[in-house]
Amino acid sequence: MSRAVPTRATPAAHRRPTARGATPVTTRGRAQIAQRGRRGPGVLHRIFSAWLLGKLLALAILAGDLVVIVQGAVAPTLQVRETLVYGADLVPVTEITPFLPTSGTSIFAVRGMRIARAMEGIPAVKSAEVRAVLPSTVNVFLQERMPVAAWVVGQSRALIDEDGLVLGDADALRPESPLREIAPSLPAISAPEGPAVQLGDRVDPAVVHVAQSVGPRLVAIGMPGSQVEYHPATGVSLVVPGGPRIILGNADDLAAKLDAVQAIRGHLDATHQTAQLIDVRFLERPYYR
């Protein structure tokens, strides 16, 4: 007969309740957790020390850079000694000088974009770029507006661009300016009744367009030496030497108006007639007298 071996059981009153789904922690497990807890502050301390060291190193580099910048700002070799301007054919030097940094200014204190924006306020300047070049040079590059015609009032001859903007006096161009050779060949618009214009003023761009379009065609249409005139009441006219005044008006239907002028002149020649005036402002009823 076999005998049962009694098994010692832990009384229910001494058992610690275990949460459902949790794994009981043994004495060995508690020791491992305690050991990890003791290692945790050391790791954090090393991480914090490395972070702090990196910050201190960055501040040291920044401080060194500031010292170099401050020393460079006052160093004589890094001060503006020369300013070179390129592309200034229309703009007088006296208009540019007030915007330029003075000699002795720190090269690091040159504000190129600010200077360029100020120069672009000059009527003849289309765009500007300013570059500070170490150790002591400032380069200024100007792109000027291109004159396409001359506005003549009395003895005054002003250069104007395609938008009618007055760029300056043709007689005030510097001797070395390449525009000095171009200006006499530009279409001239005589304005005996004005208006008189000054730098930065604007005339009707439609008048400029007529002068640009008609000027090169005067020889082809048999009117060489003709002068383009502008009158506020009638617009643009052509004054033909020894011939009639031809009133074109505005720039609308310009090619058709010139064709009408040639037809009327052909009729006058064929019928041996003369006229003092040809008016083609209104193509539906052109006339001559």
Protein backbone atom coordinates (compact mmCIF):
# COMPACT_ATOMS: atom_id res chain seq x y z
CA MET A 1 0.00 0.00 0.00
CA SER A 2 1.46 3.36 -1.02
CA ARG A 3 1.53 6.26 1.33
CA ALA A 4 0.82 9.81 0.34
CA VAL A 5 3.64 12.34 0.89
CA PRO A 6 2.35 15.48 2.54
CA THR A 7 3.06 18.75 0.64
CA ARG A 8 3.74 21.97 2.52
CA ALA A 9 1.48 24.66 1.20
CA THR A 10 1.68 28.39 1.87
CA PRO A 11 -1.22 29.47 3.89
CA ALA A 12 -3.68 31.54 1.93
CA ALA A 13 -3.38 34.35 4.45
CA HIS A 14 0.39 34.76 3.65
CA ARG A 15 0.04 34.83 -0.16
CA ARG A 16 0.44 38.25 -1.88
CA PRO A 17 -2.28 38.89 -4.38
CA THR A 18 -1.09 39.13 -7.96
CA ALA A 19 -2.83 41.41 -10.42
CA ARG A 20 -4.53 39.60 -13.21
CA GLY A 21 -2.16 39.24 -16.16
CA ALA A 22 0.92 40.36 -14.13
CA THR A 23 4.05 38.25 -13.73
CA PRO A 24 5.13 37.63 -10.17
CA VAL A 25 8.51 39.20 -9.35
CA THR A 26 10.99 36.94 -7.67
CA THR A 27 13.73 37.94 -5.28
CA ARG A 28 16.30 37.73 -8.10
CA GLY A 29 14.17 39.95 -10.30
CA ARG A 30 13.99 42.57 -7.58
CA ALA A 31 17.77 42.58 -7.31
CA GLN A 32 18.18 43.13 -11.09
CA ILE A 33 15.71 46.03 -11.05
CA ALA A 34 17.49 47.60 -8.11
CA GLN A 35 20.84 47.25 -9.94
CA ARG A 36 19.43 48.93 -13.08
CA GLY A 37 18.02 51.73 -10.94
CA ARG A 38 21.47 52.32 -9.46
CA ARG A 39 23.01 52.52 -12.97
CA GLY A 40 20.36 55.01 -14.32
CA PRO A 41 21.62 58.25 -12.68
CA GLY A 42 25.16 57.60 -13.92
CA VAL A 43 24.04 57.34 -17.57
CA LEU A 44 21.95 60.49 -17.29
CA HIS A 45 24.85 62.33 -15.72
CA ARG A 46 27.18 61.36 -18.58
CA ILE A 47 24.59 62.45 -21.18
CA PHE A 48 24.05 65.79 -19.46
CA SER A 49 27.80 66.36 -19.17
CA ALA A 50 28.30 65.71 -22.89
CA TRP A 51 25.44 68.09 -23.77
CA LEU A 52 26.82 70.81 -21.50
CA LEU A 53 30.30 70.39 -22.95
CA GLY A 54 28.94 70.75 -26.48
CA LYS A 55 27.12 73.95 -25.54
CA LEU A 56 30.21 75.43 -23.91
CA LEU A 57 32.30 74.56 -26.97
CA ALA A 58 29.76 76.22 -29.30
CA LEU A 59 29.76 79.37 -27.14
CA ALA A 60 33.54 79.45 -27.23
CA ILE A 61 33.55 79.22 -31.05
CA LEU A 62 30.90 81.94 -31.29
CA ALA A 63 32.90 84.19 -28.97
CA GLY A 64 35.99 83.64 -31.12
CA ASP A 65 34.05 84.54 -34.27
CA LEU A 66 32.76 87.72 -32.65
CA VAL A 67 36.29 88.72 -31.73
CA VAL A 68 37.42 88.17 -35.32
CA ILE A 69 34.49 90.19 -36.69
CA VAL A 70 35.06 93.07 -34.30
CA GLN A 71 38.76 93.14 -35.09
CA GLY A 72 38.01 92.94 -38.81
CA ALA A 73 35.51 95.79 -38.60
CA VAL A 74 38.15 98.16 -37.31
CA ALA A 75 41.12 96.80 -39.26
CA PRO A 76 42.42 99.39 -41.78
CA THR A 77 42.94 96.70 -44.41
CA LEU A 78 39.21 95.86 -44.31
CA GLN A 79 37.90 99.37 -44.89
CA VAL A 80 36.48 100.74 -48.14
CA ARG A 81 39.24 102.28 -50.21
CA GLU A 82 37.89 102.00 -53.75
CA THR A 83 34.42 102.09 -55.34
CA LEU A 84 34.06 101.08 -58.99
CA VAL A 85 30.88 101.91 -60.96
CA TYR A 86 30.05 100.03 -64.15
CA GLY A 87 27.34 100.86 -66.72
CA ALA A 88 26.82 104.53 -65.84
CA ASP A 89 26.38 106.19 -69.23
CA LEU A 90 23.30 108.31 -68.53
CA VAL A 91 23.52 108.79 -64.79
CA PRO A 92 25.89 111.59 -63.70
CA VAL A 93 28.43 110.68 -61.06
CA THR A 94 27.01 113.43 -58.84
CA GLU A 95 23.74 111.46 -58.62
CA ILE A 96 25.48 108.22 -57.66
CA THR A 97 27.95 109.54 -55.09
CA PRO A 98 25.45 110.27 -52.25
CA PHE A 99 24.45 106.58 -52.13
CA LEU A 100 27.97 105.14 -52.02
CA PRO A 101 29.82 104.21 -48.79
CA THR A 102 32.48 106.72 -47.83
CA SER A 103 36.14 105.88 -47.76
CA GLY A 104 37.13 104.31 -44.45
CA THR A 105 33.79 102.54 -43.93
CA SER A 106 34.17 98.95 -42.75
CA ILE A 107 33.72 96.58 -45.66
CA PHE A 108 31.40 94.55 -43.41
CA ALA A 109 29.15 97.58 -42.91
CA VAL A 110 28.36 97.95 -46.64
CA ARG A 111 24.65 97.17 -47.16
CA GLY A 112 24.61 96.25 -50.83
CA MET A 113 20.88 95.58 -51.22
CA ARG A 114 19.93 98.81 -49.44
CA ILE A 115 22.28 100.87 -51.63
CA ALA A 116 20.99 99.15 -54.79
CA ARG A 117 17.35 99.91 -53.92
CA ALA A 118 18.23 103.56 -53.36
CA MET A 119 19.99 103.78 -56.72
CA GLU A 120 17.01 102.25 -58.50
CA GLY A 121 15.11 105.39 -57.53
CA ILE A 122 17.22 107.34 -60.05
CA PRO A 123 15.03 107.70 -63.20
CA ALA A 124 17.64 106.45 -65.65
CA VAL A 125 18.50 103.34 -63.57
CA LYS A 126 16.53 100.21 -64.40
CA SER A 127 18.31 97.95 -61.90
CA ALA A 128 21.39 98.06 -59.68
CA GLU A 129 23.63 95.57 -57.90
CA VAL A 130 26.23 96.39 -55.24
CA ARG A 131 28.92 93.91 -54.18
CA ALA A 132 31.47 94.33 -51.39
CA VAL A 133 34.70 92.59 -52.34
CA LEU A 134 37.31 91.83 -49.69
CA PRO A 135 39.48 93.39 -48.59
CA SER A 136 38.50 96.98 -49.53
CA THR A 137 36.58 97.32 -52.83
CA VAL A 138 32.92 98.02 -53.61
CA ASN A 139 31.66 97.22 -57.12
CA VAL A 140 28.47 98.87 -58.41
CA PHE A 141 26.77 97.47 -61.53
CA LEU A 142 24.05 99.60 -63.14
CA GLN A 143 21.63 98.62 -65.87
CA GLU A 144 20.30 101.83 -67.34
CA ARG A 145 17.12 102.40 -69.31
CA MET A 146 17.66 102.65 -73.04
CA PRO A 147 16.72 105.92 -74.80
CA VAL A 148 14.73 105.42 -78.01
CA ALA A 149 13.88 109.01 -78.97
CA ALA A 150 14.65 112.64 -78.20
CA TRP A 151 12.07 115.18 -77.00
CA VAL A 152 12.99 118.60 -78.43
CA VAL A 153 11.63 121.82 -76.97
CA GLY A 154 13.49 124.89 -78.19
CA GLN A 155 17.20 124.24 -77.61
CA SER A 156 16.54 121.48 -75.08
CA ARG A 157 16.96 117.89 -76.26
CA ALA A 158 15.88 115.30 -73.66
CA LEU A 159 16.38 111.56 -74.05
CA ILE A 160 13.28 109.41 -73.42
CA ASP A 161 12.70 105.67 -73.25
CA GLU A 162 9.90 103.61 -74.79
CA ASP A 163 7.63 104.34 -71.82
CA GLY A 164 8.05 108.10 -72.26
CA LEU A 165 10.26 108.46 -69.18
CA VAL A 166 12.72 111.35 -69.41
CA LEU A 167 16.21 109.96 -68.78
CA GLY A 168 18.32 113.08 -69.04
CA ASP A 169 19.69 115.82 -71.26
CA ALA A 170 21.34 114.60 -74.47
CA ASP A 171 23.82 117.47 -74.33
CA ALA A 172 24.89 116.52 -70.78
CA LEU A 173 26.27 113.11 -71.75
CA ARG A 174 29.88 112.54 -70.78
CA PRO A 175 32.37 112.64 -73.66
CA GLU A 176 33.31 108.99 -73.11
CA SER A 177 29.69 107.79 -73.06
CA PRO A 178 28.84 105.53 -76.05
CA LEU A 179 25.38 107.12 -76.11
CA ARG A 180 26.98 110.33 -77.32
CA GLU A 181 27.30 108.76 -80.78
CA ILE A 182 23.86 107.15 -80.69
CA ALA A 183 21.82 110.14 -79.49
CA PRO A 184 21.96 112.18 -82.75
CA SER A 185 20.53 109.26 -84.73
CA LEU A 186 17.51 108.74 -82.45
CA PRO A 187 14.08 109.80 -83.78
CA ALA A 188 13.43 113.37 -82.68
CA ILE A 189 10.01 114.61 -81.56
CA SER A 190 9.73 118.37 -81.85
CA ALA A 191 7.26 119.86 -79.37
CA PRO A 192 7.02 123.61 -80.21
CA GLU A 193 4.10 124.01 -77.82
CA GLY A 194 5.68 121.92 -75.12
CA PRO A 195 5.44 120.60 -72.59
CA ALA A 196 8.99 121.28 -71.44
CA VAL A 197 10.32 118.25 -69.55
CA GLN A 198 12.87 117.51 -66.86
CA LEU A 199 14.61 114.43 -65.58
CA GLY A 200 12.02 111.94 -64.28
CA ASP A 201 9.06 113.49 -66.13
CA ARG A 202 6.97 111.36 -68.49
CA VAL A 203 5.52 112.12 -71.91
CA ASP A 204 2.79 110.22 -73.75
CA PRO A 205 4.32 106.84 -74.71
CA ALA A 206 1.98 106.67 -77.74
CA VAL A 207 3.83 109.66 -79.21
CA VAL A 208 7.12 107.84 -78.66
CA HIS A 209 5.71 104.77 -80.43
CA VAL A 210 4.73 106.86 -83.46
CA ALA A 211 8.20 108.39 -83.66
CA GLN A 212 9.82 104.95 -83.40
CA SER A 213 7.57 103.48 -86.10
CA VAL A 214 7.55 106.35 -88.56
CA GLY A 215 11.14 107.55 -88.28
CA PRO A 216 12.80 104.56 -90.00
CA ARG A 217 10.14 104.53 -92.76
CA LEU A 218 10.36 108.16 -93.87
CA VAL A 219 12.81 107.43 -96.66
CA ALA A 220 10.87 104.36 -97.83
CA ILE A 221 7.62 106.33 -98.13
CA GLY A 222 9.30 109.14 -100.00
CA MET A 223 9.53 111.72 -97.20
CA PRO A 224 13.24 111.89 -96.27
CA GLY A 225 14.17 114.68 -93.92
CA SER A 226 10.65 114.94 -92.50
CA GLN A 227 10.30 116.03 -88.89
CA VAL A 228 8.02 114.47 -86.30
CA GLU A 229 6.07 117.13 -84.41
CA TYR A 230 3.75 116.90 -81.45
CA HIS A 231 0.89 119.30 -80.71
CA PRO A 232 -1.41 118.72 -77.71
CA ALA A 233 -4.55 119.44 -79.81
CA THR A 234 -3.84 117.31 -82.90
CA GLY A 235 -1.25 114.77 -81.76
CA VAL A 236 1.62 113.71 -84.02
CA SER A 237 2.31 115.36 -87.36
CA LEU A 238 4.94 114.97 -90.07
CA VAL A 239 6.46 118.16 -91.41
CA VAL A 240 7.72 117.49 -94.91
CA PRO A 241 10.32 119.92 -96.31
CA GLY A 242 8.63 121.78 -99.18
CA GLY A 243 5.48 119.70 -98.76
CA PRO A 244 2.22 119.62 -96.80
CA ARG A 245 1.89 119.05 -93.07
CA ILE A 246 0.61 115.51 -92.46
CA ILE A 247 -1.49 114.97 -89.35
CA LEU A 248 -1.36 111.39 -88.05
CA GLY A 249 -2.95 111.93 -84.62
CA ASN A 250 -2.28 108.97 -82.33
CA ALA A 251 -0.62 105.59 -82.85
CA ASP A 252 -3.82 103.72 -83.83
CA ASP A 253 -3.81 102.12 -87.33
CA LEU A 254 -0.48 103.75 -88.05
CA ALA A 255 0.38 101.55 -91.06
CA ALA A 256 -3.03 102.21 -92.64
CA LYS A 257 -2.61 105.95 -92.07
CA LEU A 258 0.75 105.96 -93.85
CA ASP A 259 -0.79 104.01 -96.74
CA ALA A 260 -3.52 106.64 -96.94
CA VAL A 261 -0.92 109.41 -97.02
CA GLN A 262 0.89 107.76 -99.90
CA ALA A 263 -2.40 107.32 -101.81
CA ILE A 264 -3.31 111.00 -101.38
CA ARG A 265 0.16 112.17 -102.40
CA GLY A 266 0.02 109.94 -105.46
CA HIS A 267 -3.32 111.46 -106.39
CA LEU A 268 -1.94 114.98 -105.95
CA ASP A 269 1.05 114.23 -108.18
CA ALA A 270 -1.13 112.61 -110.85
CA THR A 271 -3.52 115.59 -110.94
CA HIS A 272 -0.77 118.19 -110.62
CA GLN A 273 -2.26 119.56 -107.43
CA THR A 274 -0.61 120.89 -104.31
CA ALA A 275 -1.80 120.76 -100.73
CA GLN A 276 -0.82 122.44 -97.51
CA LEU A 277 -2.38 119.87 -95.21
CA ILE A 278 -3.16 116.14 -95.28
CA ASP A 279 -5.20 114.83 -92.37
CA VAL A 280 -5.53 111.06 -91.90
CA ARG A 281 -6.50 110.99 -88.23
CA PHE A 282 -9.87 109.55 -89.20
CA LEU A 283 -9.39 106.89 -91.85
CA GLU A 284 -13.08 106.81 -92.78
CA ARG A 285 -12.84 110.43 -93.96
CA PRO A 286 -9.25 111.49 -94.71
CA TYR A 287 -8.92 114.81 -96.48
CA TYR A 288 -6.45 117.33 -97.83
CA ARG A 289 -6.55 121.04 -98.59
